[in-house]
């Protein structure tokens, strides 16, 4: 099955980011295709390489980047939502790229299922 994943919440304020990460990882491990993970609204904060979680906390920004490298996963950050939150190319974490909402529309058309995490 081809999945699209939409993440609407940041890594430190809501369970949605953790759930999206674990869903994506499990789907890939089961042999499904994850066509793209699209980060929208506060979800764009998952791509901020300047975030520094406490040493005893998980680092979702790093975890997403590692998952992308391991599975050649397309991590797309909405440009409008990113700019509103001060996120530009210079502070994007490894594995992420900035693009427009067209990437989300394309994903919705091509995926068998699009799974949304967060409001």
PDB file of N, CA and C in Angstrom:
ATOM      1  N   UNK A   1       0.836  -1.179   0.000  1.00  0.00           N
ATOM      2  CA  UNK A   1       0.000   0.000   0.000  1.00  0.00           C
ATOM      3  C   UNK A   1       0.880   1.240   0.000  1.00  0.00           C
ATOM      4  N   UNK A   2       0.420   2.265  -0.686  1.00  0.00           N
ATOM      5  CA  UNK A   2       1.130   3.539  -0.746  1.00  0.00           C
ATOM      6  C   UNK A   2       0.492   4.508   0.238  1.00  0.00           C
ATOM      7  N   UNK A   3       1.293   4.958   1.201  1.00  0.00           N
ATOM      8  CA  UNK A   3       0.808   5.891   2.207  1.00  0.00           C
ATOM      9  C   UNK A   3       1.377   7.283   1.986  1.00  0.00           C
ATOM     10  N   UNK A   4       0.573   8.272   2.308  1.00  0.00           N
ATOM     11  CA  UNK A   4       1.018   9.636   2.478  1.00  0.00           C
ATOM     12  C   UNK A   4       0.822   9.966   3.940  1.00  0.00           C
ATOM     13  N   UNK A   5       1.717  10.747   4.510  1.00  0.00           N
ATOM     14  CA  UNK A   5       1.626  11.109   5.920  1.00  0.00           C
ATOM     15  C   UNK A   5       1.646  12.631   6.025  1.00  0.00           C
ATOM     16  N   UNK A   6       0.691  13.169   6.789  1.00  0.00           N
ATOM     17  CA  UNK A   6       0.605  14.602   7.026  1.00  0.00           C
ATOM     18  C   UNK A   6       0.767  14.848   8.523  1.00  0.00           C
ATOM     19  N   UNK A   7       1.754  15.669   8.878  1.00  0.00           N
ATOM     20  CA  UNK A   7       2.046  15.967  10.284  1.00  0.00           C
ATOM     21  C   UNK A   7       1.741  17.444  10.532  1.00  0.00           C
ATOM     22  N   UNK A   8       0.784  17.705  11.433  1.00  0.00           N
ATOM     23  CA  UNK A   8       0.337  19.076  11.685  1.00  0.00           C
ATOM     24  C   UNK A   8       0.771  19.636  13.032  1.00  0.00           C
ATOM     25  N   UNK A   9       1.496  18.887  13.822  1.00  0.00           N
ATOM     26  CA  UNK A   9       1.887  19.332  15.163  1.00  0.00           C
ATOM     27  C   UNK A   9       3.398  19.253  15.341  1.00  0.00           C
ATOM     28  N   UNK A  10       3.916  20.096  16.218  1.00  0.00           N
ATOM     29  CA  UNK A  10       5.348  20.134  16.492  1.00  0.00           C
ATOM     30  C   UNK A  10       5.815  18.965  17.356  1.00  0.00           C
ATOM     31  N   UNK A  11       7.120  18.805  17.478  1.00  0.00           N
ATOM     32  CA  UNK A  11       7.671  17.641  18.173  1.00  0.00           C
ATOM     33  C   UNK A  11       7.607  17.697  19.689  1.00  0.00           C
ATOM     34  N   UNK A  12       7.322  18.850  20.264  1.00  0.00           N
ATOM     35  CA  UNK A  12       7.391  18.955  21.723  1.00  0.00           C
ATOM     36  C   UNK A  12       6.074  19.363  22.377  1.00  0.00           C
ATOM     37  N   UNK A  13       5.028  19.555  21.587  1.00  0.00           N
ATOM     38  CA  UNK A  13       3.776  20.050  22.150  1.00  0.00           C
ATOM     39  C   UNK A  13       2.607  19.093  22.020  1.00  0.00           C
ATOM     40  N   UNK A  14       2.793  18.003  21.314  1.00  0.00           N
ATOM     41  CA  UNK A  14       1.664  17.140  21.004  1.00  0.00           C
ATOM     42  C   UNK A  14       2.178  15.740  20.677  1.00  0.00           C
ATOM     43  N   UNK A  15       1.393  14.744  20.938  1.00  0.00           N
ATOM     44  CA  UNK A  15       1.747  13.351  20.650  1.00  0.00           C
ATOM     45  C   UNK A  15       1.764  13.051  19.148  1.00  0.00           C
ATOM     46  N   UNK A  16       1.152  13.903  18.354  1.00  0.00           N
ATOM     47  CA  UNK A  16       0.987  13.638  16.926  1.00  0.00           C
ATOM     48  C   UNK A  16       2.309  13.374  16.210  1.00  0.00           C
ATOM     49  N   UNK A  17       3.348  14.112  16.533  1.00  0.00           N
ATOM     50  CA  UNK A  17       4.638  13.920  15.862  1.00  0.00           C
ATOM     51  C   UNK A  17       5.214  12.544  16.171  1.00  0.00           C
ATOM     52  N   UNK A  18       5.159  12.144  17.435  1.00  0.00           N
ATOM     53  CA  UNK A  18       5.636  10.810  17.816  1.00  0.00           C
ATOM     54  C   UNK A  18       4.831   9.733  17.103  1.00  0.00           C
ATOM     55  N   UNK A  19       3.523   9.888  17.094  1.00  0.00           N
ATOM     56  CA  UNK A  19       2.657   8.894  16.454  1.00  0.00           C
ATOM     57  C   UNK A  19       2.943   8.806  14.958  1.00  0.00           C
ATOM     58  N   UNK A  20       3.122   9.948  14.314  1.00  0.00           N
ATOM     59  CA  UNK A  20       3.420   9.954  12.880  1.00  0.00           C
ATOM     60  C   UNK A  20       4.748   9.261  12.597  1.00  0.00           C
ATOM     61  N   UNK A  21       5.745   9.545  13.414  1.00  0.00           N
ATOM     62  CA  UNK A  21       7.047   8.907  13.236  1.00  0.00           C
ATOM     63  C   UNK A  21       6.933   7.389  13.375  1.00  0.00           C
ATOM     64  N   UNK A  22       6.296   6.938  14.448  1.00  0.00           N
ATOM     65  CA  UNK A  22       6.200   5.494  14.686  1.00  0.00           C
ATOM     66  C   UNK A  22       5.322   4.802  13.641  1.00  0.00           C
ATOM     67  N   UNK A  23       4.275   5.461  13.182  1.00  0.00           N
ATOM     68  CA  UNK A  23       3.459   4.908  12.103  1.00  0.00           C
ATOM     69  C   UNK A  23       4.291   4.750  10.832  1.00  0.00           C
ATOM     70  N   UNK A  24       5.011   5.807  10.475  1.00  0.00           N
ATOM     71  CA  UNK A  24       5.819   5.793   9.257  1.00  0.00           C
ATOM     72  C   UNK A  24       6.882   4.708   9.326  1.00  0.00           C
ATOM     73  N   UNK A  25       7.566   4.621  10.438  1.00  0.00           N
ATOM     74  CA  UNK A  25       8.608   3.607  10.616  1.00  0.00           C
ATOM     75  C   UNK A  25       8.021   2.195  10.504  1.00  0.00           C
ATOM     76  N   UNK A  26       6.896   1.959  11.164  1.00  0.00           N
ATOM     77  CA  UNK A  26       6.263   0.636  11.133  1.00  0.00           C
ATOM     78  C   UNK A  26       5.791   0.286   9.724  1.00  0.00           C
ATOM     79  N   UNK A  27       5.206   1.256   9.020  1.00  0.00           N
ATOM     80  CA  UNK A  27       4.738   1.002   7.660  1.00  0.00           C
ATOM     81  C   UNK A  27       5.900   0.615   6.748  1.00  0.00           C
ATOM     82  N   UNK A  28       7.007   1.337   6.865  1.00  0.00           N
ATOM     83  CA  UNK A  28       8.182   1.026   6.054  1.00  0.00           C
ATOM     84  C   UNK A  28       8.742  -0.352   6.393  1.00  0.00           C
ATOM     85  N   UNK A  29       8.793  -0.674   7.676  1.00  0.00           N
ATOM     86  CA  UNK A  29       9.318  -1.979   8.101  1.00  0.00           C
ATOM     87  C   UNK A  29       8.436  -3.124   7.640  1.00  0.00           C
ATOM     88  N   UNK A  30       7.143  -2.872   7.455  1.00  0.00           N
ATOM     89  CA  UNK A  30       6.206  -3.900   6.971  1.00  0.00           C
ATOM     90  C   UNK A  30       6.194  -3.995   5.448  1.00  0.00           C
ATOM     91  N   UNK A  31       7.014  -3.169   4.786  1.00  0.00           N
ATOM     92  CA  UNK A  31       7.127  -3.246   3.336  1.00  0.00           C
ATOM     93  C   UNK A  31       6.199  -2.329   2.558  1.00  0.00           C
ATOM     94  N   UNK A  32       5.470  -1.470   3.248  1.00  0.00           N
ATOM     95  CA  UNK A  32       4.619  -0.504   2.556  1.00  0.00           C
ATOM     96  C   UNK A  32       5.480   0.645   2.035  1.00  0.00           C
ATOM     97  N   UNK A  33       4.947   1.359   1.081  1.00  0.00           N
ATOM     98  CA  UNK A  33       5.631   2.539   0.556  1.00  0.00           C
ATOM     99  C   UNK A  33       5.057   3.779   1.232  1.00  0.00           C
ATOM    100  N   UNK A  34       5.924   4.611   1.766  1.00  0.00           N
ATOM    101  CA  UNK A  34       5.511   5.919   2.266  1.00  0.00           C
ATOM    102  C   UNK A  34       6.013   6.919   1.231  1.00  0.00           C
ATOM    103  N   UNK A  35       5.094   7.431   0.467  1.00  0.00           N
ATOM    104  CA  UNK A  35       5.453   8.274  -0.672  1.00  0.00           C
ATOM    105  C   UNK A  35       6.069   9.598  -0.242  1.00  0.00           C
ATOM    106  N   UNK A  36       5.558  10.132   0.861  1.00  0.00           N
ATOM    107  CA  UNK A  36       6.046  11.428   1.331  1.00  0.00           C
ATOM    108  C   UNK A  36       5.479  11.677   2.722  1.00  0.00           C
ATOM    109  N   UNK A  37       6.251  12.394   3.529  1.00  0.00           N
ATOM    110  CA  UNK A  37       5.744  12.923   4.790  1.00  0.00           C
ATOM    111  C   UNK A  37       5.723  14.438   4.617  1.00  0.00           C
ATOM    112  N   UNK A  38       4.547  15.021   4.771  1.00  0.00           N
ATOM    113  CA  UNK A  38       4.380  16.457   4.584  1.00  0.00           C
ATOM    114  C   UNK A  38       4.148  17.104   5.939  1.00  0.00           C
ATOM    115  N   UNK A  39       4.940  18.106   6.259  1.00  0.00           N
ATOM    116  CA  UNK A  39       4.856  18.809   7.537  1.00  0.00           C
ATOM    117  C   UNK A  39       4.186  20.162   7.300  1.00  0.00           C
ATOM    118  N   UNK A  40       3.088  20.378   8.031  1.00  0.00           N
ATOM    119  CA  UNK A  40       2.248  21.549   7.819  1.00  0.00           C
ATOM    120  C   UNK A  40       1.914  22.182   9.167  1.00  0.00           C
ATOM    121  N   UNK A  41       1.435  23.394   9.171  1.00  0.00           N
ATOM    122  CA  UNK A  41       1.132  24.122  10.413  1.00  0.00           C
ATOM    123  C   UNK A  41       2.340  24.020  11.366  1.00  0.00           C
ATOM    124  N   UNK A  42       2.100  23.746  12.651  1.00  0.00           N
ATOM    125  CA  UNK A  42       3.214  23.645  13.603  1.00  0.00           C
ATOM    126  C   UNK A  42       4.079  22.417  13.362  1.00  0.00           C
ATOM    127  N   UNK A  43       3.629  21.520  12.516  1.00  0.00           N
ATOM    128  CA  UNK A  43       4.423  20.345  12.169  1.00  0.00           C
ATOM    129  C   UNK A  43       5.755  20.698  11.531  1.00  0.00           C
ATOM    130  N   UNK A  44       5.859  21.908  10.964  1.00  0.00           N
ATOM    131  CA  UNK A  44       7.118  22.315  10.347  1.00  0.00           C
ATOM    132  C   UNK A  44       8.249  22.390  11.375  1.00  0.00           C
ATOM    133  N   UNK A  45       7.899  22.515  12.654  1.00  0.00           N
ATOM    134  CA  UNK A  45       8.927  22.575  13.701  1.00  0.00           C
ATOM    135  C   UNK A  45       9.691  21.257  13.852  1.00  0.00           C
ATOM    136  N   UNK A  46       9.185  20.199  13.262  1.00  0.00           N
ATOM    137  CA  UNK A  46       9.911  18.928  13.250  1.00  0.00           C
ATOM    138  C   UNK A  46      11.182  19.012  12.412  1.00  0.00           C
ATOM    139  N   UNK A  47      11.295  20.038  11.590  1.00  0.00           N
ATOM    140  CA  UNK A  47      12.429  20.188  10.679  1.00  0.00           C
ATOM    141  C   UNK A  47      13.470  21.194  11.149  1.00  0.00           C
ATOM    142  N   UNK A  48      13.304  21.741  12.329  1.00  0.00           N
ATOM    143  CA  UNK A  48      14.187  22.801  12.826  1.00  0.00           C
ATOM    144  C   UNK A  48      15.435  22.209  13.484  1.00  0.00           C
ATOM    145  N   UNK A  49      16.570  22.316  12.801  1.00  0.00           N
ATOM    146  CA  UNK A  49      17.803  21.740  13.346  1.00  0.00           C
ATOM    147  C   UNK A  49      18.336  22.497  14.561  1.00  0.00           C
ATOM    148  N   UNK A  50      17.775  23.666  14.847  1.00  0.00           N
ATOM    149  CA  UNK A  50      18.213  24.437  16.010  1.00  0.00           C
ATOM    150  C   UNK A  50      17.553  23.977  17.309  1.00  0.00           C
ATOM    151  N   UNK A  51      16.553  23.120  17.201  1.00  0.00           N
ATOM    152  CA  UNK A  51      15.901  22.628  18.422  1.00  0.00           C
ATOM    153  C   UNK A  51      16.852  21.688  19.160  1.00  0.00           C
ATOM    154  N   UNK A  52      16.871  21.809  20.459  1.00  0.00           N
ATOM    155  CA  UNK A  52      17.756  20.982  21.290  1.00  0.00           C
ATOM    156  C   UNK A  52      16.962  20.411  22.459  1.00  0.00           C
ATOM    157  N   UNK A  53      16.434  19.203  22.290  1.00  0.00           N
ATOM    158  CA  UNK A  53      15.709  18.589  23.402  1.00  0.00           C
ATOM    159  C   UNK A  53      16.672  18.230  24.533  1.00  0.00           C
ATOM    160  N   UNK A  54      16.105  18.036  25.715  1.00  0.00           N
ATOM    161  CA  UNK A  54      16.922  17.642  26.853  1.00  0.00           C
ATOM    162  C   UNK A  54      17.634  16.325  26.549  1.00  0.00           C
ATOM    163  N   UNK A  55      18.744  16.095  27.208  1.00  0.00           N
ATOM    164  CA  UNK A  55      19.555  14.912  26.923  1.00  0.00           C
ATOM    165  C   UNK A  55      18.816  13.605  27.199  1.00  0.00           C
ATOM    166  N   UNK A  56      17.821  13.623  28.093  1.00  0.00           N
ATOM    167  CA  UNK A  56      17.086  12.398  28.389  1.00  0.00           C
ATOM    168  C   UNK A  56      15.776  12.294  27.603  1.00  0.00           C
ATOM    169  N   UNK A  57      15.575  13.173  26.621  1.00  0.00           N
ATOM    170  CA  UNK A  57      14.361  13.171  25.811  1.00  0.00           C
ATOM    171  C   UNK A  57      14.692  12.688  24.400  1.00  0.00           C
ATOM    172  N   UNK A  58      13.696  12.195  23.697  1.00  0.00           N
ATOM    173  CA  UNK A  58      13.915  11.771  22.308  1.00  0.00           C
ATOM    174  C   UNK A  58      14.108  13.001  21.440  1.00  0.00           C
ATOM    175  N   UNK A  59      14.854  12.847  20.350  1.00  0.00           N
ATOM    176  CA  UNK A  59      15.115  13.945  19.428  1.00  0.00           C
ATOM    177  C   UNK A  59      14.426  13.616  18.108  1.00  0.00           C
ATOM    178  N   UNK A  60      13.166  14.015  17.997  1.00  0.00           N
ATOM    179  CA  UNK A  60      12.388  13.674  16.809  1.00  0.00           C
ATOM    180  C   UNK A  60      12.959  14.272  15.532  1.00  0.00           C
ATOM    181  N   UNK A  61      13.535  15.442  15.616  1.00  0.00           N
ATOM    182  CA  UNK A  61      14.130  16.058  14.426  1.00  0.00           C
ATOM    183  C   UNK A  61      15.207  15.129  13.869  1.00  0.00           C
ATOM    184  N   UNK A  62      16.074  14.676  14.723  1.00  0.00           N
ATOM    185  CA  UNK A  62      17.145  13.755  14.319  1.00  0.00           C
ATOM    186  C   UNK A  62      16.573  12.408  13.875  1.00  0.00           C
ATOM    187  N   UNK A  63      15.563  11.922  14.591  1.00  0.00           N
ATOM    188  CA  UNK A  63      14.964  10.624  14.259  1.00  0.00           C
ATOM    189  C   UNK A  63      14.327  10.648  12.870  1.00  0.00           C
ATOM    190  N   UNK A  64      13.622  11.728  12.533  1.00  0.00           N
ATOM    191  CA  UNK A  64      13.036  11.855  11.192  1.00  0.00           C
ATOM    192  C   UNK A  64      14.136  11.840  10.130  1.00  0.00           C
ATOM    193  N   UNK A  65      15.215  12.592  10.377  1.00  0.00           N
ATOM    194  CA  UNK A  65      16.316  12.643   9.416  1.00  0.00           C
ATOM    195  C   UNK A  65      16.966  11.288   9.203  1.00  0.00           C
ATOM    196  N   UNK A  66      17.148  10.552  10.281  1.00  0.00           N
ATOM    197  CA  UNK A  66      17.738   9.211  10.175  1.00  0.00           C
ATOM    198  C   UNK A  66      16.821   8.259   9.420  1.00  0.00           C
ATOM    199  N   UNK A  67      15.514   8.342   9.690  1.00  0.00           N
ATOM    200  CA  UNK A  67      14.552   7.495   8.986  1.00  0.00           C
ATOM    201  C   UNK A  67      14.547   7.820   7.492  1.00  0.00           C
ATOM    202  N   UNK A  68      14.629   9.108   7.180  1.00  0.00           N
ATOM    203  CA  UNK A  68      14.659   9.530   5.774  1.00  0.00           C
ATOM    204  C   UNK A  68      15.897   8.995   5.068  1.00  0.00           C
ATOM    205  N   UNK A  69      17.040   9.061   5.733  1.00  0.00           N
ATOM    206  CA  UNK A  69      18.282   8.571   5.135  1.00  0.00           C
ATOM    207  C   UNK A  69      18.241   7.057   4.929  1.00  0.00           C
ATOM    208  N   UNK A  70      17.699   6.365   5.898  1.00  0.00           N
ATOM    209  CA  UNK A  70      17.656   4.900   5.831  1.00  0.00           C
ATOM    210  C   UNK A  70      16.713   4.381   4.748  1.00  0.00           C
ATOM    211  N   UNK A  71      15.609   5.095   4.517  1.00  0.00           N
ATOM    212  CA  UNK A  71      14.576   4.605   3.598  1.00  0.00           C
ATOM    213  C   UNK A  71      14.361   5.511   2.384  1.00  0.00           C
ATOM    214  N   UNK A  72      15.253   6.468   2.168  1.00  0.00           N
ATOM    215  CA  UNK A  72      15.105   7.410   1.057  1.00  0.00           C
ATOM    216  C   UNK A  72      13.718   8.053   1.079  1.00  0.00           C
ATOM    217  N   UNK A  73      13.344   8.526   2.247  1.00  0.00           N
ATOM    218  CA  UNK A  73      12.018   9.071   2.504  1.00  0.00           C
ATOM    219  C   UNK A  73      11.992  10.566   2.192  1.00  0.00           C
ATOM    220  N   UNK A  74      10.934  10.998   1.524  1.00  0.00           N
ATOM    221  CA  UNK A  74      10.773  12.397   1.147  1.00  0.00           C
ATOM    222  C   UNK A  74      10.079  13.154   2.276  1.00  0.00           C
ATOM    223  N   UNK A  75      10.820  14.017   2.973  1.00  0.00           N
ATOM    224  CA  UNK A  75      10.287  14.834   4.062  1.00  0.00           C
ATOM    225  C   UNK A  75      10.118  16.262   3.562  1.00  0.00           C
ATOM    226  N   UNK A  76       8.885  16.688   3.370  1.00  0.00           N
ATOM    227  CA  UNK A  76       8.604  17.992   2.777  1.00  0.00           C
ATOM    228  C   UNK A  76       7.980  18.920   3.814  1.00  0.00           C
ATOM    229  N   UNK A  77       8.518  20.127   3.903  1.00  0.00           N
ATOM    230  CA  UNK A  77       8.062  21.152   4.832  1.00  0.00           C
ATOM    231  C   UNK A  77       7.337  22.232   4.028  1.00  0.00           C
ATOM    232  N   UNK A  78       6.120  22.567   4.433  1.00  0.00           N
ATOM    233  CA  UNK A  78       5.342  23.599   3.741  1.00  0.00           C
ATOM    234  C   UNK A  78       6.044  24.951   3.849  1.00  0.00           C
ATOM    235  N   UNK A  79       6.306  25.576   2.733  1.00  0.00           N
ATOM    236  CA  UNK A  79       7.053  26.823   2.713  1.00  0.00           C
ATOM    237  C   UNK A  79       6.323  27.941   3.454  1.00  0.00           C
ATOM    238  N   UNK A  80       5.026  28.084   3.245  1.00  0.00           N
ATOM    239  CA  UNK A  80       4.290  29.172   3.896  1.00  0.00           C
ATOM    240  C   UNK A  80       4.262  28.994   5.413  1.00  0.00           C
ATOM    241  N   UNK A  81       3.971  27.784   5.864  1.00  0.00           N
ATOM    242  CA  UNK A  81       3.929  27.512   7.300  1.00  0.00           C
ATOM    243  C   UNK A  81       5.318  27.664   7.915  1.00  0.00           C
ATOM    244  N   UNK A  82       6.345  27.260   7.180  1.00  0.00           N
ATOM    245  CA  UNK A  82       7.720  27.359   7.682  1.00  0.00           C
ATOM    246  C   UNK A  82       8.135  28.825   7.844  1.00  0.00           C
ATOM    247  N   UNK A  83       7.892  29.631   6.833  1.00  0.00           N
ATOM    248  CA  UNK A  83       8.292  31.036   6.895  1.00  0.00           C
ATOM    249  C   UNK A  83       7.565  31.777   8.005  1.00  0.00           C
ATOM    250  N   UNK A  84       6.300  31.442   8.248  1.00  0.00           N
ATOM    251  CA  UNK A  84       5.562  32.068   9.352  1.00  0.00           C
ATOM    252  C   UNK A  84       6.209  31.772  10.698  1.00  0.00           C
ATOM    253  N   UNK A  85       6.917  30.660  10.775  1.00  0.00           N
ATOM    254  CA  UNK A  85       7.533  30.238  12.035  1.00  0.00           C
ATOM    255  C   UNK A  85       9.052  30.438  12.039  1.00  0.00           C
ATOM    256  N   UNK A  86       9.549  31.182  11.048  1.00  0.00           N
ATOM    257  CA  UNK A  86      10.964  31.517  11.010  1.00  0.00           C
ATOM    258  C   UNK A  86      11.867  30.400  10.540  1.00  0.00           C
ATOM    259  N   UNK A  87      11.315  29.418   9.892  1.00  0.00           N
ATOM    260  CA  UNK A  87      12.125  28.292   9.415  1.00  0.00           C
ATOM    261  C   UNK A  87      12.453  28.499   7.945  1.00  0.00           C
ATOM    262  N   UNK A  88      13.748  28.595   7.670  1.00  0.00           N
ATOM    263  CA  UNK A  88      14.244  28.777   6.311  1.00  0.00           C
ATOM    264  C   UNK A  88      15.231  27.659   6.003  1.00  0.00           C
ATOM    265  N   UNK A  89      15.682  27.617   4.772  1.00  0.00           N
ATOM    266  CA  UNK A  89      16.602  26.549   4.345  1.00  0.00           C
ATOM    267  C   UNK A  89      17.806  26.413   5.264  1.00  0.00           C
ATOM    268  N   UNK A  90      18.311  27.540   5.775  1.00  0.00           N
ATOM    269  CA  UNK A  90      19.526  27.510   6.594  1.00  0.00           C
ATOM    270  C   UNK A  90      19.357  26.723   7.887  1.00  0.00           C
ATOM    271  N   UNK A  91      18.150  26.617   8.389  1.00  0.00           N
ATOM    272  CA  UNK A  91      17.967  25.901   9.658  1.00  0.00           C
ATOM    273  C   UNK A  91      17.197  24.586   9.495  1.00  0.00           C
ATOM    274  N   UNK A  92      17.066  24.129   8.259  1.00  0.00           N
ATOM    275  CA  UNK A  92      16.427  22.828   8.033  1.00  0.00           C
ATOM    276  C   UNK A  92      17.368  21.714   8.462  1.00  0.00           C
ATOM    277  N   UNK A  93      16.834  20.763   9.170  1.00  0.00           N
ATOM    278  CA  UNK A  93      17.613  19.591   9.576  1.00  0.00           C
ATOM    279  C   UNK A  93      17.874  18.702   8.366  1.00  0.00           C
ATOM    280  N   UNK A  94      18.861  17.838   8.490  1.00  0.00           N
ATOM    281  CA  UNK A  94      19.194  16.903   7.419  1.00  0.00           C
ATOM    282  C   UNK A  94      17.983  16.052   7.055  1.00  0.00           C
ATOM    283  N   UNK A  95      17.774  15.885   5.758  1.00  0.00           N
ATOM    284  CA  UNK A  95      16.703  15.030   5.268  1.00  0.00           C
ATOM    285  C   UNK A  95      15.427  15.761   4.900  1.00  0.00           C
ATOM    286  N   UNK A  96      15.285  17.014   5.321  1.00  0.00           N
ATOM    287  CA  UNK A  96      14.083  17.792   5.049  1.00  0.00           C
ATOM    288  C   UNK A  96      14.310  18.725   3.865  1.00  0.00           C
ATOM    289  N   UNK A  97      13.223  19.065   3.194  1.00  0.00           N
ATOM    290  CA  UNK A  97      13.275  20.076   2.137  1.00  0.00           C
ATOM    291  C   UNK A  97      12.007  20.920   2.196  1.00  0.00           C
ATOM    292  N   UNK A  98      12.110  22.150   1.742  1.00  0.00           N
ATOM    293  CA  UNK A  98      10.969  23.061   1.731  1.00  0.00           C
ATOM    294  C   UNK A  98      10.341  23.055   0.347  1.00  0.00           C
ATOM    295  N   UNK A  99       9.004  23.009   0.325  1.00  0.00           N
ATOM    296  CA  UNK A  99       8.276  23.080  -0.934  1.00  0.00           C
ATOM    297  C   UNK A  99       6.869  23.603  -0.659  1.00  0.00           C
ATOM    298  N   UNK A 100       6.055  23.651  -1.683  1.00  0.00           N
ATOM    299  CA  UNK A 100       4.721  24.221  -1.555  1.00  0.00           C
ATOM    300  C   UNK A 100       3.627  23.193  -1.348  1.00  0.00           C
ATOM    301  N   UNK A 101       2.410  23.696  -1.224  1.00  0.00           N
ATOM    302  CA  UNK A 101       1.249  22.842  -0.997  1.00  0.00           C
ATOM    303  C   UNK A 101       0.942  21.916  -2.166  1.00  0.00           C
ATOM    304  N   UNK A 102       1.490  22.218  -3.314  1.00  0.00           N
ATOM    305  CA  UNK A 102       1.311  21.321  -4.463  1.00  0.00           C
ATOM    306  C   UNK A 102       1.809  19.914  -4.157  1.00  0.00           C
ATOM    307  N   UNK A 103       2.847  19.828  -3.313  1.00  0.00           N
ATOM    308  CA  UNK A 103       3.377  18.520  -2.925  1.00  0.00           C
ATOM    309  C   UNK A 103       2.357  17.725  -2.107  1.00  0.00           C
ATOM    310  N   UNK A 104       1.565  18.432  -1.299  1.00  0.00           N
ATOM    311  CA  UNK A 104       0.517  17.777  -0.519  1.00  0.00           C
ATOM    312  C   UNK A 104      -0.625  17.329  -1.424  1.00  0.00           C
ATOM    313  N   UNK A 105      -1.007  18.168  -2.365  1.00  0.00           N
ATOM    314  CA  UNK A 105      -2.076  17.814  -3.313  1.00  0.00           C
ATOM    315  C   UNK A 105      -1.656  16.599  -4.128  1.00  0.00           C
ATOM    316  N   UNK A 106      -0.439  16.627  -4.632  1.00  0.00           N
ATOM    317  CA  UNK A 106       0.081  15.503  -5.414  1.00  0.00           C
ATOM    318  C   UNK A 106       0.074  14.218  -4.586  1.00  0.00           C
ATOM    319  N   UNK A 107       0.466  14.335  -3.333  1.00  0.00           N
ATOM    320  CA  UNK A 107       0.490  13.181  -2.440  1.00  0.00           C
ATOM    321  C   UNK A 107      -0.910  12.605  -2.255  1.00  0.00           C
ATOM    322  N   UNK A 108      -1.880  13.474  -2.021  1.00  0.00           N
ATOM    323  CA  UNK A 108      -3.254  13.019  -1.834  1.00  0.00           C
ATOM    324  C   UNK A 108      -3.811  12.312  -3.055  1.00  0.00           C
ATOM    325  N   UNK A 109      -3.379  12.719  -4.224  1.00  0.00           N
ATOM    326  CA  UNK A 109      -3.850  12.102  -5.462  1.00  0.00           C
ATOM    327  C   UNK A 109      -3.163  10.770  -5.739  1.00  0.00           C
ATOM    328  N   UNK A 110      -1.900  10.642  -5.352  1.00  0.00           N
ATOM    329  CA  UNK A 110      -1.123   9.454  -5.710  1.00  0.00           C
ATOM    330  C   UNK A 110      -1.156   8.343  -4.665  1.00  0.00           C
ATOM    331  N   UNK A 111      -1.345   8.698  -3.402  1.00  0.00           N
ATOM    332  CA  UNK A 111      -1.314   7.694  -2.329  1.00  0.00           C
ATOM    333  C   UNK A 111      -2.635   6.934  -2.255  1.00  0.00           C
ATOM    334  N   UNK A 112      -2.549   5.676  -1.810  1.00  0.00           N
ATOM    335  CA  UNK A 112      -3.774   4.907  -1.546  1.00  0.00           C
ATOM    336  C   UNK A 112      -4.492   5.460  -0.322  1.00  0.00           C
ATOM    337  N   UNK A 113      -3.722   5.873   0.673  1.00  0.00           N
ATOM    338  CA  UNK A 113      -4.254   6.436   1.915  1.00  0.00           C
ATOM    339  C   UNK A 113      -3.351   7.577   2.373  1.00  0.00           C
ATOM    340  N   UNK A 114      -3.962   8.648   2.820  1.00  0.00           N
ATOM    341  CA  UNK A 114      -3.213   9.726   3.452  1.00  0.00           C
ATOM    342  C   UNK A 114      -3.633   9.764   4.911  1.00  0.00           C
ATOM    343  N   UNK A 115      -2.662   9.609   5.796  1.00  0.00           N
ATOM    344  CA  UNK A 115      -2.918   9.542   7.225  1.00  0.00           C
ATOM    345  C   UNK A 115      -2.504  10.868   7.836  1.00  0.00           C
ATOM    346  N   UNK A 116      -3.405  11.478   8.610  1.00  0.00           N
ATOM    347  CA  UNK A 116      -3.181  12.808   9.187  1.00  0.00           C
ATOM    348  C   UNK A 116      -2.943  12.682  10.680  1.00  0.00           C
ATOM    349  N   UNK A 117      -1.900  13.333  11.163  1.00  0.00           N
ATOM    350  CA  UNK A 117      -1.568  13.345  12.584  1.00  0.00           C
ATOM    351  C   UNK A 117      -1.617  14.779  13.083  1.00  0.00           C
ATOM    352  N   UNK A 118      -2.515  15.040  14.026  1.00  0.00           N
ATOM    353  CA  UNK A 118      -2.706  16.373  14.574  1.00  0.00           C
ATOM    354  C   UNK A 118      -3.899  17.051  13.955  1.00  0.00           C
ATOM    355  N   UNK A 119      -4.340  18.124  14.606  1.00  0.00           N
ATOM    356  CA  UNK A 119      -5.539  18.848  14.148  1.00  0.00           C
ATOM    357  C   UNK A 119      -5.328  19.520  12.831  1.00  0.00           C
TER     358      UNK A 119
END
